[in-house]
Amino acid sequence: MAYSGMNTIDAFLNKQVRTERTPSVQYVHFDRNDVIHRYLNGYADIDARRTVNERTTYNAFSVTKTFTALAVLQLAERSLLDIDSPVARYLPDFPYSAAITVEQLLTHSAGIPNPIPLKWIHLPEEHGSFERDDFFRAVFLEHNKTTSAPNAKYAYSNLGYVLLGQLIEKVSGLQYEEYVTMHIIAPLGLTPEDLGFTLNGHEVHAKGYHKRLSFSGLILGFLIDKPKFMDHAEGSWNSFEPSYVNGASYGGLIGTANALVKYLQELLKPEMPLLTEAYKQLLFKENITAENKPTGMCLSWFKGELEGHTYYAHAGGGGGYYCEIRIYPALEKGSVIMFNRTGMTDERILDRVDRRTFAQCSCSAPY
């Protein structure tokens, strides 16, 4: 199936590369069975003049949180945990209020602090010996006060998802990466090279970049150790050394756009092996605060609306990379977009791209 007039979508995306807003971009629009439209352009490595292709991998960063939430619900479905129970029931050393529940961590309503995580990275040569529990024990000690009462309001927290990763390990008996690979990635028919927690070789992975002459480039030096984690300048971009985030469960996934499409297509299907329908509905249930206010946040998924269509989405951003994933369940459609340039906020770029898709669609309902 194809849409008429996709050239304006491609023109918008081409402009992102042509005007040097990113070294590369990949966009995929799909239904639950097929790719409807694909766009890819630009360099995975500027100096080497290596162009992106469908095998090119990017850091997905916080998109990982949707996998963490899915893993928690899988364990709940197997009666290994109860999301309504206090986290302290499963993590005796839980550093915050005993009243905080697993569900409140999932919906970012626990009041857990959220210090800036850009500097929580380490080099590949440090990865084998890196002790993340030791690292985060010190972080929790420094940030040991909650910012609000449980379920008083929405407040995004990477530390909350660090704790969920620890909970998955405690309950399942597996390392977080092992659990997600065995119970989510492998059942999708994907390999760790498609989607996983290990950096692929330089011939496959996109190099991360940050705009040289930018305000964010100036403040980046206060957020990370630039001599350690930044490489040389390449044209108008500064390049990053490859690195791992310190906590896999809040942002450790690395993969291709196609792999994320496969994952989202599974979530669009009425029956899926990863989760029963009842728990899938729970995954996309919007959280309501103790004062009966909707938060726009489900179990890791943000709820929104575009052109009258309800969507569920998540962005992932950090040093050198930015991406967004989105599904429109009623339309049985979804989108993925990935860049190899720094993103620090939820930019909602898919609002601009998907709106063009809606405007140019020449097919009949449901789209």
Foldseek 3Di string as FASTA:
>chain_A
DEFPPCVVLQVVQVCCCVVVVFQKKWKWKWFLPGTHDIDIWGALDQVVRHGADQLAKEFQFQVLLLLLLLLVLLCVVVVLDDQCAFLCVQVVVPLADSNAGNQLLLQQQAQQDADDQQAQKDAPVCVVVADLVVVVVVVCVVRRDGRDHGLQAHDDHLVSQLSSQVSSCRSVVDRSQVSSCVQPQVVLVHDVSAKGQDDDDPSRYRWFKEFCPDPVNVCVVVVYVCVVFWDPDRVRITTTHDIAGSGCRRTRMMHGQVSVSSRVSQLLDQCHPNHHNVSSVQQPDFDAGPVRHTHQTGSSWGWDDAPRFIKTKDWRFHGQKIKMWMDRNQQSMIMIMIGRYGDDDDPPVVSVSVNVVVVRGPDDPPD
